[in-house]
PDB file of all heavy atoms in Angstrom:
ATOM      1  N   THR A   1       5.427  -0.033   2.605  1.00  0.00           N
ATOM      2  CA  THR A   1       4.947  -1.018   3.562  1.00  0.00           C
ATOM      3  C   THR A   1       3.727  -0.496   4.324  1.00  0.00           C
ATOM      4  O   THR A   1       3.794  -0.221   5.521  1.00  0.00           O
ATOM      5  CB  THR A   1       6.044  -1.423   4.559  1.00  0.00           C
ATOM      6  OG1 THR A   1       7.294  -1.481   3.920  1.00  0.00           O
ATOM      7  CG2 THR A   1       5.748  -2.785   5.149  1.00  0.00           C
ATOM      8  N   PRO A   2       2.584  -0.339   3.649  1.00  0.00           N
ATOM      9  CA  PRO A   2       1.391   0.151   4.331  1.00  0.00           C
ATOM     10  C   PRO A   2       0.973  -0.795   5.453  1.00  0.00           C
ATOM     11  O   PRO A   2       1.011  -2.009   5.304  1.00  0.00           O
ATOM     12  CB  PRO A   2       0.337   0.211   3.228  1.00  0.00           C
ATOM     13  CG  PRO A   2       0.821  -0.685   2.158  1.00  0.00           C
ATOM     14  CD  PRO A   2       2.315  -0.682   2.250  1.00  0.00           C
ATOM     15  N   THR A   3       0.607  -0.224   6.580  1.00  0.00           N
ATOM     16  CA  THR A   3       0.275  -1.030   7.753  1.00  0.00           C
ATOM     17  C   THR A   3      -1.213  -1.145   8.012  1.00  0.00           C
ATOM     18  O   THR A   3      -1.644  -2.048   8.715  1.00  0.00           O
ATOM     19  CB  THR A   3       0.933  -0.433   9.002  1.00  0.00           C
ATOM     20  OG1 THR A   3       0.481   0.921   9.145  1.00  0.00           O
ATOM     21  CG2 THR A   3       2.443  -0.474   8.890  1.00  0.00           C
ATOM     22  N   SER A   4      -1.994  -0.210   7.475  1.00  0.00           N
ATOM     23  CA  SER A   4      -3.429  -0.257   7.687  1.00  0.00           C
ATOM     24  C   SER A   4      -4.105   0.620   6.644  1.00  0.00           C
ATOM     25  O   SER A   4      -3.449   1.340   5.893  1.00  0.00           O
ATOM     26  CB  SER A   4      -3.794   0.206   9.094  1.00  0.00           C
ATOM     27  OG  SER A   4      -3.350   1.515   9.310  1.00  0.00           O
ATOM     28  N   VAL A   5      -5.431   0.536   6.620  1.00  0.00           N
ATOM     29  CA  VAL A   5      -6.218   1.379   5.720  1.00  0.00           C
ATOM     30  C   VAL A   5      -7.522   1.710   6.433  1.00  0.00           C
ATOM     31  O   VAL A   5      -8.085   0.879   7.149  1.00  0.00           O
ATOM     32  CB  VAL A   5      -6.454   0.683   4.360  1.00  0.00           C
ATOM     33  CG1 VAL A   5      -7.223  -0.606   4.521  1.00  0.00           C
ATOM     34  CG2 VAL A   5      -7.161   1.596   3.370  1.00  0.00           C
ATOM     35  N   ALA A   6      -7.965   2.962   6.289  1.00  0.00           N
ATOM     36  CA  ALA A   6      -9.227   3.397   6.893  1.00  0.00           C
ATOM     37  C   ALA A   6      -9.965   4.266   5.891  1.00  0.00           C
ATOM     38  O   ALA A   6      -9.346   4.963   5.082  1.00  0.00           O
ATOM     39  CB  ALA A   6      -8.966   4.177   8.178  1.00  0.00           C
ATOM     40  N   VAL A   7     -11.284   4.212   5.951  1.00  0.00           N
ATOM     41  CA  VAL A   7     -12.123   5.017   5.064  1.00  0.00           C
ATOM     42  C   VAL A   7     -13.053   5.858   5.916  1.00  0.00           C
ATOM     43  O   VAL A   7     -13.705   5.354   6.835  1.00  0.00           O
ATOM     44  CB  VAL A   7     -12.955   4.109   4.121  1.00  0.00           C
ATOM     45  CG1 VAL A   7     -13.879   4.950   3.248  1.00  0.00           C
ATOM     46  CG2 VAL A   7     -12.052   3.234   3.264  1.00  0.00           C
ATOM     47  N   HIS A   8     -13.114   7.163   5.614  1.00  0.00           N
ATOM     48  CA  HIS A   8     -14.059   8.062   6.262  1.00  0.00           C
ATOM     49  C   HIS A   8     -14.653   8.950   5.182  1.00  0.00           C
ATOM     50  O   HIS A   8     -13.924   9.706   4.521  1.00  0.00           O
ATOM     51  CB  HIS A   8     -13.374   8.913   7.329  1.00  0.00           C
ATOM     52  CG  HIS A   8     -14.305   9.865   7.997  1.00  0.00           C
ATOM     53  ND1 HIS A   8     -15.299   9.466   8.863  1.00  0.00           N
ATOM     54  CD2 HIS A   8     -14.418  11.200   7.900  1.00  0.00           C
ATOM     55  CE1 HIS A   8     -15.965  10.512   9.276  1.00  0.00           C
ATOM     56  NE2 HIS A   8     -15.451  11.595   8.709  1.00  0.00           N
ATOM     57  N   ASP A   9     -15.959   8.839   4.992  1.00  0.00           N
ATOM     58  CA  ASP A   9     -16.632   9.535   3.894  1.00  0.00           C
ATOM     59  C   ASP A   9     -15.949   9.160   2.581  1.00  0.00           C
ATOM     60  O   ASP A   9     -15.918   7.997   2.230  1.00  0.00           O
ATOM     61  CB  ASP A   9     -16.661  11.042   4.127  1.00  0.00           C
ATOM     62  CG  ASP A   9     -17.539  11.429   5.312  1.00  0.00           C
ATOM     63  OD1 ASP A   9     -18.532  10.720   5.577  1.00  0.00           O
ATOM     64  OD2 ASP A   9     -17.225  12.434   5.974  1.00  0.00           O
ATOM     65  N   SER A  10     -15.359  10.121   1.891  1.00  0.00           N
ATOM     66  CA  SER A  10     -14.703   9.841   0.611  1.00  0.00           C
ATOM     67  C   SER A  10     -13.182   9.863   0.712  1.00  0.00           C
ATOM     68  O   SER A  10     -12.492   9.900  -0.303  1.00  0.00           O
ATOM     69  CB  SER A  10     -15.143  10.871  -0.438  1.00  0.00           C
ATOM     70  OG  SER A  10     -16.506  10.718  -0.718  1.00  0.00           O
ATOM     71  N   THR A  11     -12.654   9.852   1.930  1.00  0.00           N
ATOM     72  CA  THR A  11     -11.204   9.899   2.110  1.00  0.00           C
ATOM     73  C   THR A  11     -10.690   8.548   2.583  1.00  0.00           C
ATOM     74  O   THR A  11     -11.256   7.932   3.473  1.00  0.00           O
ATOM     75  CB  THR A  11     -10.808  10.986   3.119  1.00  0.00           C
ATOM     76  OG1 THR A  11     -11.339  12.243   2.681  1.00  0.00           O
ATOM     77  CG2 THR A  11      -9.300  11.105   3.236  1.00  0.00           C
ATOM     78  N   VAL A  12      -9.605   8.112   1.957  1.00  0.00           N
ATOM     79  CA  VAL A  12      -8.920   6.872   2.340  1.00  0.00           C
ATOM     80  C   VAL A  12      -7.612   7.275   3.012  1.00  0.00           C
ATOM     81  O   VAL A  12      -6.867   8.108   2.484  1.00  0.00           O
ATOM     82  CB  VAL A  12      -8.626   6.000   1.102  1.00  0.00           C
ATOM     83  CG1 VAL A  12      -7.876   4.745   1.491  1.00  0.00           C
ATOM     84  CG2 VAL A  12      -9.917   5.657   0.369  1.00  0.00           C
ATOM     85  N   TYR A  13      -7.340   6.693   4.167  1.00  0.00           N
ATOM     86  CA  TYR A  13      -6.120   6.969   4.936  1.00  0.00           C
ATOM     87  C   TYR A  13      -5.276   5.706   4.957  1.00  0.00           C
ATOM     88  O   TYR A  13      -5.757   4.647   5.354  1.00  0.00           O
ATOM     89  CB  TYR A  13      -6.463   7.361   6.373  1.00  0.00           C
ATOM     90  CG  TYR A  13      -7.344   8.584   6.474  1.00  0.00           C
ATOM     91  CD1 TYR A  13      -8.725   8.465   6.392  1.00  0.00           C
ATOM     92  CD2 TYR A  13      -6.784   9.841   6.642  1.00  0.00           C
ATOM     93  CE1 TYR A  13      -9.537   9.586   6.486  1.00  0.00           C
ATOM     94  CE2 TYR A  13      -7.593  10.960   6.738  1.00  0.00           C
ATOM     95  CZ  TYR A  13      -8.969  10.831   6.653  1.00  0.00           C
ATOM     96  OH  TYR A  13      -9.773  11.938   6.742  1.00  0.00           O
ATOM     97  N   VAL A  14      -4.024   5.820   4.532  1.00  0.00           N
ATOM     98  CA  VAL A  14      -3.128   4.665   4.502  1.00  0.00           C
ATOM     99  C   VAL A  14      -1.780   5.032   5.129  1.00  0.00           C
ATOM    100  O   VAL A  14      -0.954   5.690   4.497  1.00  0.00           O
ATOM    101  CB  VAL A  14      -2.893   4.154   3.058  1.00  0.00           C
ATOM    102  CG1 VAL A  14      -2.090   2.870   3.074  1.00  0.00           C
ATOM    103  CG2 VAL A  14      -4.211   3.960   2.321  1.00  0.00           C
ATOM    104  N   PRO A  15      -1.521   4.624   6.376  1.00  0.00           N
ATOM    105  CA  PRO A  15      -0.218   4.850   6.983  1.00  0.00           C
ATOM    106  C   PRO A  15       0.815   3.881   6.403  1.00  0.00           C
ATOM    107  O   PRO A  15       0.525   2.704   6.221  1.00  0.00           O
ATOM    108  CB  PRO A  15      -0.427   4.560   8.464  1.00  0.00           C
ATOM    109  CG  PRO A  15      -1.895   4.451   8.663  1.00  0.00           C
ATOM    110  CD  PRO A  15      -2.483   4.092   7.344  1.00  0.00           C
ATOM    111  N   SER A  16       1.977   4.397   6.105  1.00  0.00           N
ATOM    112  CA  SER A  16       3.083   3.568   5.637  1.00  0.00           C
ATOM    113  C   SER A  16       4.188   3.592   6.680  1.00  0.00           C
ATOM    114  O   SER A  16       4.650   4.663   7.087  1.00  0.00           O
ATOM    115  CB  SER A  16       3.647   4.095   4.313  1.00  0.00           C
ATOM    116  OG  SER A  16       2.746   3.869   3.253  1.00  0.00           O
ATOM    117  N   ALA A  17       4.631   2.428   7.104  1.00  0.00           N
ATOM    118  CA  ALA A  17       5.639   2.332   8.159  1.00  0.00           C
ATOM    119  C   ALA A  17       7.064   2.417   7.643  1.00  0.00           C
ATOM    120  O   ALA A  17       7.980   2.691   8.402  1.00  0.00           O
ATOM    121  CB  ALA A  17       5.463   1.022   8.920  1.00  0.00           C
ATOM    122  N   ALA A  18       7.268   2.163   6.360  1.00  0.00           N
ATOM    123  CA  ALA A  18       8.605   2.166   5.765  1.00  0.00           C
ATOM    124  C   ALA A  18       9.530   1.168   6.466  1.00  0.00           C
ATOM    125  O   ALA A  18      10.694   1.444   6.704  1.00  0.00           O
ATOM    126  CB  ALA A  18       9.202   3.565   5.763  1.00  0.00           C
ATOM    127  N   TYR A  19       8.996  -0.010   6.808  1.00  0.00           N
ATOM    128  CA  TYR A  19       9.783  -1.031   7.498  1.00  0.00           C
ATOM    129  C   TYR A  19      11.044  -1.430   6.731  1.00  0.00           C
ATOM    130  O   TYR A  19      12.093  -1.638   7.316  1.00  0.00           O
ATOM    131  CB  TYR A  19       8.966  -2.306   7.705  1.00  0.00           C
ATOM    132  CG  TYR A  19       7.900  -2.198   8.750  1.00  0.00           C
ATOM    133  CD1 TYR A  19       6.617  -2.627   8.480  1.00  0.00           C
ATOM    134  CD2 TYR A  19       8.159  -1.675  10.014  1.00  0.00           C
ATOM    135  CE1 TYR A  19       5.621  -2.541   9.439  1.00  0.00           C
ATOM    136  CE2 TYR A  19       7.173  -1.574  10.969  1.00  0.00           C
ATOM    137  CZ  TYR A  19       5.901  -2.013  10.672  1.00  0.00           C
ATOM    138  OH  TYR A  19       4.918  -1.923  11.608  1.00  0.00           O
ATOM    139  N   LEU A  20      10.929  -1.553   5.419  1.00  0.00           N
ATOM    140  CA  LEU A  20      12.058  -2.060   4.642  1.00  0.00           C
ATOM    141  C   LEU A  20      13.082  -0.990   4.305  1.00  0.00           C
ATOM    142  O   LEU A  20      14.264  -1.282   4.160  1.00  0.00           O
ATOM    143  CB  LEU A  20      11.549  -2.734   3.368  1.00  0.00           C
ATOM    144  CG  LEU A  20      10.574  -3.893   3.609  1.00  0.00           C
ATOM    145  CD1 LEU A  20      10.070  -4.457   2.283  1.00  0.00           C
ATOM    146  CD2 LEU A  20      11.220  -4.986   4.440  1.00  0.00           C
ATOM    147  N   THR A  21      12.641   0.255   4.185  1.00  0.00           N
ATOM    148  CA  THR A  21      13.567   1.317   3.793  1.00  0.00           C
ATOM    149  C   THR A  21      14.034   2.157   4.979  1.00  0.00           C
ATOM    150  O   THR A  21      15.054   2.842   4.887  1.00  0.00           O
ATOM    151  CB  THR A  21      12.904   2.264   2.778  1.00  0.00           C
ATOM    152  OG1 THR A  21      11.773   2.877   3.398  1.00  0.00           O
ATOM    153  CG2 THR A  21      12.499   1.527   1.517  1.00  0.00           C
ATOM    154  N   ASN A  22      13.256   2.145   6.055  1.00  0.00           N
ATOM    155  CA  ASN A  22      13.538   2.990   7.220  1.00  0.00           C
ATOM    156  C   ASN A  22      13.673   4.459   6.852  1.00  0.00           C
ATOM    157  O   ASN A  22      14.391   5.209   7.500  1.00  0.00           O
ATOM    158  CB  ASN A  22      14.791   2.510   7.953  1.00  0.00           C
ATOM    159  CG  ASN A  22      14.559   1.187   8.632  1.00  0.00           C
ATOM    160  OD1 ASN A  22      13.499   0.954   9.189  1.00  0.00           O
ATOM    161  ND2 ASN A  22      15.543   0.312   8.578  1.00  0.00           N
ATOM    162  N   ALA A  23      12.989   4.864   5.792  1.00  0.00           N
ATOM    163  CA  ALA A  23      13.017   6.262   5.369  1.00  0.00           C
ATOM    164  C   ALA A  23      11.614   6.690   4.955  1.00  0.00           C
ATOM    165  O   ALA A  23      10.906   5.961   4.280  1.00  0.00           O
ATOM    166  CB  ALA A  23      13.962   6.431   4.182  1.00  0.00           C
ATOM    167  N   ASP A  24      11.208   7.860   5.393  1.00  0.00           N
ATOM    168  CA  ASP A  24       9.967   8.490   4.993  1.00  0.00           C
ATOM    169  C   ASP A  24       8.703   7.700   5.327  1.00  0.00           C
ATOM    170  O   ASP A  24       7.867   7.465   4.461  1.00  0.00           O
ATOM    171  CB  ASP A  24       9.991   8.820   3.486  1.00  0.00           C
ATOM    172  CG  ASP A  24       8.820   9.719   3.088  1.00  0.00           C
ATOM    173  OD1 ASP A  24       8.364  10.512   3.934  1.00  0.00           O
ATOM    174  OD2 ASP A  24       8.356   9.607   1.948  1.00  0.00           O
ATOM    175  N   PRO A  25       8.506   7.288   6.588  1.00  0.00           N
ATOM    176  CA  PRO A  25       7.187   6.773   6.940  1.00  0.00           C
ATOM    177  C   PRO A  25       6.186   7.917   6.745  1.00  0.00           C
ATOM    178  O   PRO A  25       6.526   9.081   6.962  1.00  0.00           O
ATOM    179  CB  PRO A  25       7.318   6.367   8.398  1.00  0.00           C
ATOM    180  CG  PRO A  25       8.535   7.013   8.898  1.00  0.00           C
ATOM    181  CD  PRO A  25       9.401   7.346   7.729  1.00  0.00           C
ATOM    182  N   ASN A  26       4.980   7.603   6.297  1.00  0.00           N
ATOM    183  CA  ASN A  26       4.057   8.676   5.953  1.00  0.00           C
ATOM    184  C   ASN A  26       2.608   8.240   6.106  1.00  0.00           C
ATOM    185  O   ASN A  26       2.316   7.073   6.349  1.00  0.00           O
ATOM    186  CB  ASN A  26       4.334   9.150   4.523  1.00  0.00           C
ATOM    187  CG  ASN A  26       4.170   8.045   3.501  1.00  0.00           C
ATOM    188  OD1 ASN A  26       3.094   7.513   3.328  1.00  0.00           O
ATOM    189  ND2 ASN A  26       5.265   7.700   2.827  1.00  0.00           N
ATOM    190  N   LEU A  27       1.715   9.190   5.945  1.00  0.00           N
ATOM    191  CA  LEU A  27       0.288   8.946   5.899  1.00  0.00           C
ATOM    192  C   LEU A  27      -0.206   9.434   4.547  1.00  0.00           C
ATOM    193  O   LEU A  27      -0.156  10.626   4.254  1.00  0.00           O
ATOM    194  CB  LEU A  27      -0.438   9.692   7.027  1.00  0.00           C
ATOM    195  CG  LEU A  27      -1.958   9.609   6.992  1.00  0.00           C
ATOM    196  CD1 LEU A  27      -2.436   8.170   7.172  1.00  0.00           C
ATOM    197  CD2 LEU A  27      -2.559  10.526   8.048  1.00  0.00           C
ATOM    198  N   LEU A  28      -0.668   8.514   3.732  1.00  0.00           N
ATOM    199  CA  LEU A  28      -1.159   8.835   2.403  1.00  0.00           C
ATOM    200  C   LEU A  28      -2.667   9.034   2.492  1.00  0.00           C
ATOM    201  O   LEU A  28      -3.366   8.223   3.094  1.00  0.00           O
ATOM    202  CB  LEU A  28      -0.839   7.697   1.436  1.00  0.00           C
ATOM    203  CG  LEU A  28      -1.287   7.927   0.013  1.00  0.00           C
ATOM    204  CD1 LEU A  28      -0.118   8.499  -0.766  1.00  0.00           C
ATOM    205  CD2 LEU A  28      -1.733   6.634  -0.621  1.00  0.00           C
ATOM    206  N   LEU A  29      -3.155  10.113   1.909  1.00  0.00           N
ATOM    207  CA  LEU A  29      -4.594  10.362   1.809  1.00  0.00           C
ATOM    208  C   LEU A  29      -4.982  10.290   0.347  1.00  0.00           C
ATOM    209  O   LEU A  29      -4.278  10.825  -0.520  1.00  0.00           O
ATOM    210  CB  LEU A  29      -4.960  11.754   2.343  1.00  0.00           C
ATOM    211  CG  LEU A  29      -5.179  11.868   3.852  1.00  0.00           C
ATOM    212  CD1 LEU A  29      -3.920  11.583   4.622  1.00  0.00           C
ATOM    213  CD2 LEU A  29      -5.732  13.216   4.185  1.00  0.00           C
ATOM    214  N   ALA A  30      -6.093   9.604   0.072  1.00  0.00           N
ATOM    215  CA  ALA A  30      -6.573   9.474  -1.295  1.00  0.00           C
ATOM    216  C   ALA A  30      -8.075   9.678  -1.295  1.00  0.00           C
ATOM    217  O   ALA A  30      -8.741   9.501  -0.269  1.00  0.00           O
ATOM    218  CB  ALA A  30      -6.227   8.097  -1.853  1.00  0.00           C
ATOM    219  N   ARG A  31      -8.619  10.030  -2.428  1.00  0.00           N
ATOM    220  CA  ARG A  31     -10.059  10.240  -2.557  1.00  0.00           C
ATOM    221  C   ARG A  31     -10.707   8.977  -3.103  1.00  0.00           C
ATOM    222  O   ARG A  31     -10.235   8.394  -4.075  1.00  0.00           O
ATOM    223  CB  ARG A  31     -10.338  11.406  -3.508  1.00  0.00           C
ATOM    224  CG  ARG A  31     -11.798  11.756  -3.600  1.00  0.00           C
ATOM    225  CD  ARG A  31     -11.992  13.028  -4.422  1.00  0.00           C
ATOM    226  NE  ARG A  31     -13.342  13.502  -4.325  1.00  0.00           N
ATOM    227  CZ  ARG A  31     -14.363  12.997  -5.000  1.00  0.00           C
ATOM    228  NH1 ARG A  31     -14.178  11.993  -5.814  1.00  0.00           N
ATOM    229  NH2 ARG A  31     -15.569  13.498  -4.857  1.00  0.00           N
ATOM    230  N   LEU A  32     -11.782   8.570  -2.485  1.00  0.00           N
ATOM    231  CA  LEU A  32     -12.542   7.398  -2.921  1.00  0.00           C
ATOM    232  C   LEU A  32     -13.658   7.877  -3.832  1.00  0.00           C
ATOM    233  O   LEU A  32     -14.535   8.627  -3.407  1.00  0.00           O
ATOM    234  CB  LEU A  32     -13.109   6.661  -1.713  1.00  0.00           C
ATOM    235  CG  LEU A  32     -13.932   5.426  -1.971  1.00  0.00           C
ATOM    236  CD1 LEU A  32     -13.075   4.333  -2.600  1.00  0.00           C
ATOM    237  CD2 LEU A  32     -14.542   4.925  -0.674  1.00  0.00           C
TER     238      LEU A  32
END
């Protein structure tokens, strides 16, 4: 359940709230 997305230089930041599972909310980083 990602809640937002942000881009800085070549990095993408995607916070996940885990609304449906209530387990392991996280911040995913990916390369653009």
